[in-house]
Amino acid sequence: MKKVLIMLTLVLGVSAFAQTKEGVGYGYKDDIKVAVEMDGDKIKDIKVLANQDTPKISEPAIEELTKKIIETQSVEVEDIAGATYTSEGFKEAVQDALSK
């Protein structure tokens, strides 16, 4: 029983700091909507909720940007060549989420 209470306390303590924030930015064709998972003030993950840009171009760019943003903990990363509008819209969406 004691182990269960300790585990529950740890899980509740960790989840108290985790939160997800949503943001929107304008990509090449339309809004890009994201959910940014935070652990305290640290970016843990970024999920795309809506994206109308060309998948063949936007998906690899967003994947690369996600890695760079999480690695640097900043949206101040270089745009992906050939996907400038998608890059700018994605970073704008992440920044919008972080500002909330």
PDB file of N, CA and C in Angstrom:
ATOM      1  N   MET A   1       0.826  -1.196   0.000  1.00  0.00           N
ATOM      2  CA  MET A   1       0.000   0.000   0.000  1.00  0.00           C
ATOM      3  C   MET A   1       0.869   1.258   0.000  1.00  0.00           C
ATOM      4  N   LYS A   2       1.934   1.225   0.779  1.00  0.00           N
ATOM      5  CA  LYS A   2       2.825   2.375   0.859  1.00  0.00           C
ATOM      6  C   LYS A   2       3.455   2.663  -0.504  1.00  0.00           C
ATOM      7  N   LYS A   3       3.838   1.591  -1.235  1.00  0.00           N
ATOM      8  CA  LYS A   3       4.426   1.756  -2.560  1.00  0.00           C
ATOM      9  C   LYS A   3       3.428   2.403  -3.518  1.00  0.00           C
ATOM     10  N   VAL A   4       2.176   2.028  -3.423  1.00  0.00           N
ATOM     11  CA  VAL A   4       1.133   2.588  -4.291  1.00  0.00           C
ATOM     12  C   VAL A   4       0.982   4.083  -4.017  1.00  0.00           C
ATOM     13  N   LEU A   5       0.984   4.477  -2.764  1.00  0.00           N
ATOM     14  CA  LEU A   5       0.858   5.886  -2.413  1.00  0.00           C
ATOM     15  C   LEU A   5       2.064   6.689  -2.898  1.00  0.00           C
ATOM     16  N   ILE A   6       3.237   6.115  -2.793  1.00  0.00           N
ATOM     17  CA  ILE A   6       4.444   6.794  -3.273  1.00  0.00           C
ATOM     18  C   ILE A   6       4.383   6.959  -4.784  1.00  0.00           C
ATOM     19  N   MET A   7       3.994   5.902  -5.498  1.00  0.00           N
ATOM     20  CA  MET A   7       3.877   5.971  -6.960  1.00  0.00           C
ATOM     21  C   MET A   7       2.838   7.016  -7.366  1.00  0.00           C
ATOM     22  N   LEU A   8       1.701   7.017  -6.696  1.00  0.00           N
ATOM     23  CA  LEU A   8       0.640   7.976  -7.001  1.00  0.00           C
ATOM     24  C   LEU A   8       1.116   9.406  -6.761  1.00  0.00           C
ATOM     25  N   THR A   9       1.832   9.609  -5.690  1.00  0.00           N
ATOM     26  CA  THR A   9       2.379  10.933  -5.388  1.00  0.00           C
ATOM     27  C   THR A   9       3.356  11.372  -6.466  1.00  0.00           C
ATOM     28  N   LEU A  10       4.210  10.472  -6.908  1.00  0.00           N
ATOM     29  CA  LEU A  10       5.175  10.802  -7.963  1.00  0.00           C
ATOM     30  C   LEU A  10       4.474  11.132  -9.268  1.00  0.00           C
ATOM     31  N   VAL A  11       3.494  10.338  -9.646  1.00  0.00           N
ATOM     32  CA  VAL A  11       2.761  10.579 -10.895  1.00  0.00           C
ATOM     33  C   VAL A  11       2.019  11.907 -10.828  1.00  0.00           C
ATOM     34  N   LEU A  12       1.351  12.164  -9.745  1.00  0.00           N
ATOM     35  CA  LEU A  12       0.615  13.423  -9.598  1.00  0.00           C
ATOM     36  C   LEU A  12       1.562  14.605  -9.552  1.00  0.00           C
ATOM     37  N   GLY A  13       2.691  14.441  -8.908  1.00  0.00           N
ATOM     38  CA  GLY A  13       3.674  15.523  -8.842  1.00  0.00           C
ATOM     39  C   GLY A  13       4.230  15.860 -10.210  1.00  0.00           C
ATOM     40  N   VAL A  14       4.541  14.858 -11.021  1.00  0.00           N
ATOM     41  CA  VAL A  14       5.067  15.083 -12.361  1.00  0.00           C
ATOM     42  C   VAL A  14       4.005  15.713 -13.243  1.00  0.00           C
ATOM     43  N   SER A  15       2.784  15.203 -13.206  1.00  0.00           N
ATOM     44  CA  SER A  15       1.738  15.721 -14.084  1.00  0.00           C
ATOM     45  C   SER A  15       1.307  17.134 -13.699  1.00  0.00           C
ATOM     46  N   ALA A  16       1.589  17.536 -12.482  1.00  0.00           N
ATOM     47  CA  ALA A  16       1.223  18.889 -12.063  1.00  0.00           C
ATOM     48  C   ALA A  16       2.026  19.935 -12.834  1.00  0.00           C
ATOM     49  N   PHE A  17       3.226  19.574 -13.279  1.00  0.00           N
ATOM     50  CA  PHE A  17       4.070  20.505 -14.012  1.00  0.00           C
ATOM     51  C   PHE A  17       3.882  20.402 -15.521  1.00  0.00           C
ATOM     52  N   ALA A  18       3.336  19.294 -15.997  1.00  0.00           N
ATOM     53  CA  ALA A  18       3.135  19.087 -17.432  1.00  0.00           C
ATOM     54  C   ALA A  18       1.842  19.766 -17.870  1.00  0.00           C
ATOM     55  N   GLN A  19       1.923  20.433 -18.993  1.00  0.00           N
ATOM     56  CA  GLN A  19       0.721  21.028 -19.561  1.00  0.00           C
ATOM     57  C   GLN A  19       0.889  21.143 -21.065  1.00  0.00           C
ATOM     58  N   THR A  20      -0.218  21.250 -21.760  1.00  0.00           N
ATOM     59  CA  THR A  20      -0.203  21.395 -23.207  1.00  0.00           C
ATOM     60  C   THR A  20      -0.855  22.716 -23.567  1.00  0.00           C
ATOM     61  N   LYS A  21      -0.171  23.455 -24.427  1.00  0.00           N
ATOM     62  CA  LYS A  21      -0.664  24.754 -24.886  1.00  0.00           C
ATOM     63  C   LYS A  21      -0.839  24.689 -26.396  1.00  0.00           C
ATOM     64  N   GLU A  22      -1.908  25.317 -26.900  1.00  0.00           N
ATOM     65  CA  GLU A  22      -2.163  25.324 -28.335  1.00  0.00           C
ATOM     66  C   GLU A  22      -1.885  26.694 -28.920  1.00  0.00           C
ATOM     67  N   GLY A  23      -1.423  26.685 -30.175  1.00  0.00           N
ATOM     68  CA  GLY A  23      -1.128  27.933 -30.862  1.00  0.00           C
ATOM     69  C   GLY A  23      -1.411  27.815 -32.347  1.00  0.00           C
ATOM     70  N   VAL A  24      -1.491  28.974 -33.013  1.00  0.00           N
ATOM     71  CA  VAL A  24      -1.815  29.030 -34.435  1.00  0.00           C
ATOM     72  C   VAL A  24      -0.861  29.996 -35.133  1.00  0.00           C
ATOM     73  N   GLY A  25      -0.445  29.621 -36.336  1.00  0.00           N
ATOM     74  CA  GLY A  25       0.357  30.485 -37.193  1.00  0.00           C
ATOM     75  C   GLY A  25      -0.086  30.274 -38.628  1.00  0.00           C
ATOM     76  N   TYR A  26       0.240  31.202 -39.507  1.00  0.00           N
ATOM     77  CA  TYR A  26      -0.195  31.081 -40.890  1.00  0.00           C
ATOM     78  C   TYR A  26       0.933  30.521 -41.749  1.00  0.00           C
ATOM     79  N   GLY A  27       0.670  29.368 -42.384  1.00  0.00           N
ATOM     80  CA  GLY A  27       1.642  28.712 -43.247  1.00  0.00           C
ATOM     81  C   GLY A  27       1.499  29.152 -44.688  1.00  0.00           C
ATOM     82  N   TYR A  28       1.806  28.266 -45.619  1.00  0.00           N
ATOM     83  CA  TYR A  28       1.761  28.578 -47.047  1.00  0.00           C
ATOM     84  C   TYR A  28       0.328  28.728 -47.548  1.00  0.00           C
ATOM     85  N   LYS A  29      -0.562  27.822 -47.119  1.00  0.00           N
ATOM     86  CA  LYS A  29      -1.940  27.826 -47.613  1.00  0.00           C
ATOM     87  C   LYS A  29      -2.972  28.272 -46.587  1.00  0.00           C
ATOM     88  N   ASP A  30      -2.733  27.995 -45.326  1.00  0.00           N
ATOM     89  CA  ASP A  30      -3.747  28.246 -44.304  1.00  0.00           C
ATOM     90  C   ASP A  30      -3.085  28.159 -42.927  1.00  0.00           C
ATOM     91  N   ASP A  31      -3.921  28.205 -41.898  1.00  0.00           N
ATOM     92  CA  ASP A  31      -3.413  28.128 -40.527  1.00  0.00           C
ATOM     93  C   ASP A  31      -2.735  26.791 -40.254  1.00  0.00           C
ATOM     94  N   ILE A  32      -1.677  26.859 -39.464  1.00  0.00           N
ATOM     95  CA  ILE A  32      -1.047  25.675 -38.893  1.00  0.00           C
ATOM     96  C   ILE A  32      -1.340  25.746 -37.403  1.00  0.00           C
ATOM     97  N   LYS A  33      -1.974  24.699 -36.882  1.00  0.00           N
ATOM     98  CA  LYS A  33      -2.307  24.653 -35.458  1.00  0.00           C
ATOM     99  C   LYS A  33      -1.451  23.588 -34.791  1.00  0.00           C
ATOM    100  N   VAL A  34      -0.908  23.939 -33.632  1.00  0.00           N
ATOM    101  CA  VAL A  34      -0.031  23.014 -32.910  1.00  0.00           C
ATOM    102  C   VAL A  34      -0.431  22.906 -31.446  1.00  0.00           C
ATOM    103  N   ALA A  35      -0.007  21.817 -30.841  1.00  0.00           N
ATOM    104  CA  ALA A  35      -0.106  21.622 -29.398  1.00  0.00           C
ATOM    105  C   ALA A  35       1.322  21.435 -28.902  1.00  0.00           C
ATOM    106  N   VAL A  36       1.733  22.286 -27.984  1.00  0.00           N
ATOM    107  CA  VAL A  36       3.085  22.231 -27.435  1.00  0.00           C
ATOM    108  C   VAL A  36       2.991  21.663 -26.024  1.00  0.00           C
ATOM    109  N   GLU A  37       3.644  20.525 -25.825  1.00  0.00           N
ATOM    110  CA  GLU A  37       3.657  19.882 -24.509  1.00  0.00           C
ATOM    111  C   GLU A  37       4.825  20.430 -23.712  1.00  0.00           C
ATOM    112  N   MET A  38       4.502  20.980 -22.557  1.00  0.00           N
ATOM    113  CA  MET A  38       5.496  21.594 -21.687  1.00  0.00           C
ATOM    114  C   MET A  38       5.660  20.772 -20.415  1.00  0.00           C
ATOM    115  N   ASP A  39       6.870  20.773 -19.895  1.00  0.00           N
ATOM    116  CA  ASP A  39       7.153  20.220 -18.575  1.00  0.00           C
ATOM    117  C   ASP A  39       7.818  21.347 -17.812  1.00  0.00           C
ATOM    118  N   GLY A  40       7.012  22.072 -17.046  1.00  0.00           N
ATOM    119  CA  GLY A  40       7.497  23.301 -16.419  1.00  0.00           C
ATOM    120  C   GLY A  40       7.696  24.326 -17.516  1.00  0.00           C
ATOM    121  N   ASP A  41       8.912  24.816 -17.672  1.00  0.00           N
ATOM    122  CA  ASP A  41       9.176  25.781 -18.745  1.00  0.00           C
ATOM    123  C   ASP A  41       9.943  25.151 -19.907  1.00  0.00           C
ATOM    124  N   LYS A  42      10.005  23.827 -19.934  1.00  0.00           N
ATOM    125  CA  LYS A  42      10.746  23.108 -20.974  1.00  0.00           C
ATOM    126  C   LYS A  42       9.793  22.526 -22.024  1.00  0.00           C
ATOM    127  N   ILE A  43      10.121  22.738 -23.305  1.00  0.00           N
ATOM    128  CA  ILE A  43       9.339  22.168 -24.401  1.00  0.00           C
ATOM    129  C   ILE A  43       9.683  20.685 -24.499  1.00  0.00           C
ATOM    130  N   LYS A  44       8.684  19.828 -24.340  1.00  0.00           N
ATOM    131  CA  LYS A  44       8.904  18.382 -24.386  1.00  0.00           C
ATOM    132  C   LYS A  44       8.524  17.797 -25.744  1.00  0.00           C
ATOM    133  N   ASP A  45       7.450  18.320 -26.371  1.00  0.00           N
ATOM    134  CA  ASP A  45       6.987  17.772 -27.636  1.00  0.00           C
ATOM    135  C   ASP A  45       6.101  18.796 -28.338  1.00  0.00           C
ATOM    136  N   ILE A  46       6.005  18.666 -29.654  1.00  0.00           N
ATOM    137  CA  ILE A  46       5.142  19.535 -30.454  1.00  0.00           C
ATOM    138  C   ILE A  46       4.374  18.637 -31.407  1.00  0.00           C
ATOM    139  N   LYS A  47       3.071  18.746 -31.396  1.00  0.00           N
ATOM    140  CA  LYS A  47       2.193  17.976 -32.285  1.00  0.00           C
ATOM    141  C   LYS A  47       1.437  18.938 -33.186  1.00  0.00           C
ATOM    142  N   VAL A  48       1.314  18.579 -34.456  1.00  0.00           N
ATOM    143  CA  VAL A  48       0.536  19.376 -35.395  1.00  0.00           C
ATOM    144  C   VAL A  48      -0.914  18.916 -35.316  1.00  0.00           C
ATOM    145  N   LEU A  49      -1.810  19.867 -35.061  1.00  0.00           N
ATOM    146  CA  LEU A  49      -3.235  19.569 -34.988  1.00  0.00           C
ATOM    147  C   LEU A  49      -3.927  19.814 -36.327  1.00  0.00           C
ATOM    148  N   ALA A  50      -3.424  20.787 -37.100  1.00  0.00           N
ATOM    149  CA  ALA A  50      -3.996  21.092 -38.418  1.00  0.00           C
ATOM    150  C   ALA A  50      -2.907  21.703 -39.284  1.00  0.00           C
ATOM    151  N   ASN A  51      -2.860  21.245 -40.544  1.00  0.00           N
ATOM    152  CA  ASN A  51      -1.877  21.753 -41.494  1.00  0.00           C
ATOM    153  C   ASN A  51      -2.401  21.489 -42.908  1.00  0.00           C
ATOM    154  N   GLN A  52      -2.639  22.534 -43.666  1.00  0.00           N
ATOM    155  CA  GLN A  52      -3.142  22.402 -45.027  1.00  0.00           C
ATOM    156  C   GLN A  52      -2.044  22.557 -46.080  1.00  0.00           C
ATOM    157  N   ASP A  53      -0.817  22.795 -45.651  1.00  0.00           N
ATOM    158  CA  ASP A  53       0.282  22.947 -46.605  1.00  0.00           C
ATOM    159  C   ASP A  53       0.575  21.599 -47.276  1.00  0.00           C
ATOM    160  N   THR A  54       1.253  21.636 -48.408  1.00  0.00           N
ATOM    161  CA  THR A  54       1.569  20.442 -49.187  1.00  0.00           C
ATOM    162  C   THR A  54       2.335  19.442 -48.321  1.00  0.00           C
ATOM    163  N   PRO A  55       1.744  18.264 -48.064  1.00  0.00           N
ATOM    164  CA  PRO A  55       2.363  17.295 -47.155  1.00  0.00           C
ATOM    165  C   PRO A  55       3.794  16.905 -47.537  1.00  0.00           C
ATOM    166  N   LYS A  56       4.044  16.723 -48.824  1.00  0.00           N
ATOM    167  CA  LYS A  56       5.361  16.285 -49.288  1.00  0.00           C
ATOM    168  C   LYS A  56       6.458  17.286 -48.907  1.00  0.00           C
ATOM    169  N   ILE A  57       6.078  18.552 -48.802  1.00  0.00           N
ATOM    170  CA  ILE A  57       7.035  19.600 -48.446  1.00  0.00           C
ATOM    171  C   ILE A  57       6.968  19.933 -46.957  1.00  0.00           C
ATOM    172  N   SER A  58       5.751  20.096 -46.452  1.00  0.00           N
ATOM    173  CA  SER A  58       5.599  20.585 -45.084  1.00  0.00           C
ATOM    174  C   SER A  58       5.931  19.557 -44.004  1.00  0.00           C
ATOM    175  N   GLU A  59       5.588  18.309 -44.209  1.00  0.00           N
ATOM    176  CA  GLU A  59       5.809  17.308 -43.160  1.00  0.00           C
ATOM    177  C   GLU A  59       7.285  17.113 -42.816  1.00  0.00           C
ATOM    178  N   PRO A  60       8.174  16.944 -43.818  1.00  0.00           N
ATOM    179  CA  PRO A  60       9.597  16.832 -43.447  1.00  0.00           C
ATOM    180  C   PRO A  60      10.137  18.118 -42.797  1.00  0.00           C
ATOM    181  N   ALA A  61       9.670  19.267 -43.276  1.00  0.00           N
ATOM    182  CA  ALA A  61      10.122  20.543 -42.704  1.00  0.00           C
ATOM    183  C   ALA A  61       9.689  20.663 -41.246  1.00  0.00           C
ATOM    184  N   ILE A  62       8.435  20.348 -40.972  1.00  0.00           N
ATOM    185  CA  ILE A  62       7.912  20.429 -39.603  1.00  0.00           C
ATOM    186  C   ILE A  62       8.618  19.429 -38.689  1.00  0.00           C
ATOM    187  N   GLU A  63       8.903  18.251 -39.214  1.00  0.00           N
ATOM    188  CA  GLU A  63       9.628  17.253 -38.418  1.00  0.00           C
ATOM    189  C   GLU A  63      11.005  17.780 -38.021  1.00  0.00           C
ATOM    190  N   GLU A  64      11.705  18.373 -38.969  1.00  0.00           N
ATOM    191  CA  GLU A  64      13.039  18.920 -38.701  1.00  0.00           C
ATOM    192  C   GLU A  64      12.965  20.109 -37.739  1.00  0.00           C
ATOM    193  N   LEU A  65      12.005  21.000 -37.969  1.00  0.00           N
ATOM    194  CA  LEU A  65      11.840  22.159 -37.085  1.00  0.00           C
ATOM    195  C   LEU A  65      11.506  21.732 -35.665  1.00  0.00           C
ATOM    196  N   THR A  66      10.668  20.726 -35.529  1.00  0.00           N
ATOM    197  CA  THR A  66      10.306  20.216 -34.202  1.00  0.00           C
ATOM    198  C   THR A  66      11.552  19.766 -33.450  1.00  0.00           C
ATOM    199  N   LYS A  67      12.410  19.008 -34.133  1.00  0.00           N
ATOM    200  CA  LYS A  67      13.655  18.545 -33.502  1.00  0.00           C
ATOM    201  C   LYS A  67      14.525  19.726 -33.073  1.00  0.00           C
ATOM    202  N   LYS A  68      14.675  20.702 -33.968  1.00  0.00           N
ATOM    203  CA  LYS A  68      15.533  21.858 -33.673  1.00  0.00           C
ATOM    204  C   LYS A  68      14.978  22.698 -32.524  1.00  0.00           C
ATOM    205  N   ILE A  69      13.669  22.914 -32.512  1.00  0.00           N
ATOM    206  CA  ILE A  69      13.054  23.727 -31.454  1.00  0.00           C
ATOM    207  C   ILE A  69      13.192  23.042 -30.103  1.00  0.00           C
ATOM    208  N   ILE A  70      12.951  21.747 -30.060  1.00  0.00           N
ATOM    209  CA  ILE A  70      13.073  21.020 -28.792  1.00  0.00           C
ATOM    210  C   ILE A  70      14.540  20.998 -28.341  1.00  0.00           C
ATOM    211  N   GLU A  71      15.438  20.781 -29.277  1.00  0.00           N
ATOM    212  CA  GLU A  71      16.868  20.739 -28.950  1.00  0.00           C
ATOM    213  C   GLU A  71      17.370  22.073 -28.407  1.00  0.00           C
ATOM    214  N   THR A  72      16.971  23.170 -29.044  1.00  0.00           N
ATOM    215  CA  THR A  72      17.459  24.494 -28.633  1.00  0.00           C
ATOM    216  C   THR A  72      16.560  25.168 -27.608  1.00  0.00           C
ATOM    217  N   GLN A  73      15.345  24.616 -27.419  1.00  0.00           N
ATOM    218  CA  GLN A  73      14.348  25.219 -26.522  1.00  0.00           C
ATOM    219  C   GLN A  73      14.031  26.646 -26.949  1.00  0.00           C
ATOM    220  N   SER A  74      13.973  26.853 -28.263  1.00  0.00           N
ATOM    221  CA  SER A  74      13.719  28.182 -28.815  1.00  0.00           C
ATOM    222  C   SER A  74      13.110  28.053 -30.206  1.00  0.00           C
ATOM    223  N   VAL A  75      12.250  29.014 -30.564  1.00  0.00           N
ATOM    224  CA  VAL A  75      11.713  29.058 -31.928  1.00  0.00           C
ATOM    225  C   VAL A  75      12.646  29.829 -32.855  1.00  0.00           C
ATOM    226  N   GLU A  76      13.723  30.356 -32.304  1.00  0.00           N
ATOM    227  CA  GLU A  76      14.693  31.112 -33.106  1.00  0.00           C
ATOM    228  C   GLU A  76      15.648  30.153 -33.806  1.00  0.00           C
ATOM    229  N   VAL A  77      15.089  29.344 -34.715  1.00  0.00           N
ATOM    230  CA  VAL A  77      15.875  28.415 -35.520  1.00  0.00           C
ATOM    231  C   VAL A  77      15.690  28.784 -36.987  1.00  0.00           C
ATOM    232  N   GLU A  78      16.613  28.339 -37.826  1.00  0.00           N
ATOM    233  CA  GLU A  78      16.554  28.668 -39.243  1.00  0.00           C
ATOM    234  C   GLU A  78      15.389  27.963 -39.924  1.00  0.00           C
ATOM    235  N   ASP A  79      14.795  28.663 -40.908  1.00  0.00           N
ATOM    236  CA  ASP A  79      13.744  28.070 -41.725  1.00  0.00           C
ATOM    237  C   ASP A  79      14.329  26.929 -42.552  1.00  0.00           C
ATOM    238  N   ILE A  80      13.474  26.027 -42.975  1.00  0.00           N
ATOM    239  CA  ILE A  80      13.881  24.922 -43.833  1.00  0.00           C
ATOM    240  C   ILE A  80      13.795  25.393 -45.282  1.00  0.00           C
ATOM    241  N   ALA A  81      14.888  25.262 -46.023  1.00  0.00           N
ATOM    242  CA  ALA A  81      14.931  25.686 -47.422  1.00  0.00           C
ATOM    243  C   ALA A  81      13.860  24.956 -48.226  1.00  0.00           C
ATOM    244  N   GLY A  82      13.128  25.706 -49.036  1.00  0.00           N
ATOM    245  CA  GLY A  82      12.063  25.129 -49.853  1.00  0.00           C
ATOM    246  C   GLY A  82      10.729  25.064 -49.142  1.00  0.00           C
ATOM    247  N   ALA A  83      10.714  25.392 -47.863  1.00  0.00           N
ATOM    248  CA  ALA A  83       9.478  25.369 -47.077  1.00  0.00           C
ATOM    249  C   ALA A  83       9.443  26.591 -46.160  1.00  0.00           C
ATOM    250  N   THR A  84       9.789  27.734 -46.716  1.00  0.00           N
ATOM    251  CA  THR A  84       9.911  28.952 -45.909  1.00  0.00           C
ATOM    252  C   THR A  84       8.600  29.347 -45.253  1.00  0.00           C
ATOM    253  N   TYR A  85       7.506  29.382 -46.010  1.00  0.00           N
ATOM    254  CA  TYR A  85       6.228  29.808 -45.432  1.00  0.00           C
ATOM    255  C   TYR A  85       5.719  28.816 -44.393  1.00  0.00           C
ATOM    256  N   THR A  86       5.909  27.545 -44.662  1.00  0.00           N
ATOM    257  CA  THR A  86       5.538  26.531 -43.670  1.00  0.00           C
ATOM    258  C   THR A  86       6.376  26.702 -42.416  1.00  0.00           C
ATOM    259  N   SER A  87       7.678  26.912 -42.594  1.00  0.00           N
ATOM    260  CA  SER A  87       8.580  27.095 -41.453  1.00  0.00           C
ATOM    261  C   SER A  87       8.158  28.287 -40.609  1.00  0.00           C
ATOM    262  N   GLU A  88       7.906  29.400 -41.266  1.00  0.00           N
ATOM    263  CA  GLU A  88       7.510  30.608 -40.538  1.00  0.00           C
ATOM    264  C   GLU A  88       6.180  30.427 -39.823  1.00  0.00           C
ATOM    265  N   GLY A  89       5.216  29.792 -40.499  1.00  0.00           N
ATOM    266  CA  GLY A  89       3.912  29.553 -39.877  1.00  0.00           C
ATOM    267  C   GLY A  89       3.995  28.602 -38.699  1.00  0.00           C
ATOM    268  N   PHE A  90       4.808  27.560 -38.830  1.00  0.00           N
ATOM    269  CA  PHE A  90       4.978  26.596 -37.746  1.00  0.00           C
ATOM    270  C   PHE A  90       5.621  27.260 -36.534  1.00  0.00           C
ATOM    271  N   LYS A  91       6.690  28.015 -36.768  1.00  0.00           N
ATOM    272  CA  LYS A  91       7.361  28.703 -35.660  1.00  0.00           C
ATOM    273  C   LYS A  91       6.433  29.739 -35.020  1.00  0.00           C
ATOM    274  N   GLU A  92       5.632  30.413 -35.844  1.00  0.00           N
ATOM    275  CA  GLU A  92       4.657  31.373 -35.314  1.00  0.00           C
ATOM    276  C   GLU A  92       3.637  30.663 -34.420  1.00  0.00           C
ATOM    277  N   ALA A  93       3.191  29.481 -34.845  1.00  0.00           N
ATOM    278  CA  ALA A  93       2.223  28.704 -34.060  1.00  0.00           C
ATOM    279  C   ALA A  93       2.830  28.266 -32.724  1.00  0.00           C
ATOM    280  N   VAL A  94       4.063  27.818 -32.758  1.00  0.00           N
ATOM    281  CA  VAL A  94       4.736  27.392 -31.514  1.00  0.00           C
ATOM    282  C   VAL A  94       4.910  28.597 -30.590  1.00  0.00           C
ATOM    283  N   GLN A  95       5.340  29.720 -31.142  1.00  0.00           N
ATOM    284  CA  GLN A  95       5.506  30.924 -30.326  1.00  0.00           C
ATOM    285  C   GLN A  95       4.179  31.371 -29.733  1.00  0.00           C
ATOM    286  N   ASP A  96       3.096  31.282 -30.527  1.00  0.00           N
ATOM    287  CA  ASP A  96       1.770  31.624 -30.030  1.00  0.00           C
ATOM    288  C   ASP A  96       1.391  30.751 -28.842  1.00  0.00           C
ATOM    289  N   ALA A  97       1.676  29.460 -28.950  1.00  0.00           N
ATOM    290  CA  ALA A  97       1.371  28.538 -27.836  1.00  0.00           C
ATOM    291  C   ALA A  97       2.207  28.885 -26.605  1.00  0.00           C
ATOM    292  N   LEU A  98       3.483  29.170 -26.811  1.00  0.00           N
ATOM    293  CA  LEU A  98       4.365  29.474 -25.680  1.00  0.00           C
ATOM    294  C   LEU A  98       3.980  30.768 -24.975  1.00  0.00           C
ATOM    295  N   SER A  99       3.342  31.673 -25.690  1.00  0.00           N
ATOM    296  CA  SER A  99       2.979  32.966 -25.101  1.00  0.00           C
ATOM    297  C   SER A  99       1.731  32.880 -24.228  1.00  0.00           C
ATOM    298  N   LYS A 100       1.088  31.732 -24.194  1.00  0.00           N
ATOM    299  CA  LYS A 100      -0.156  31.589 -23.430  1.00  0.00           C
ATOM    300  C   LYS A 100       0.101  31.074 -22.040  1.00  0.00           C
TER     301      LYS A 100
END
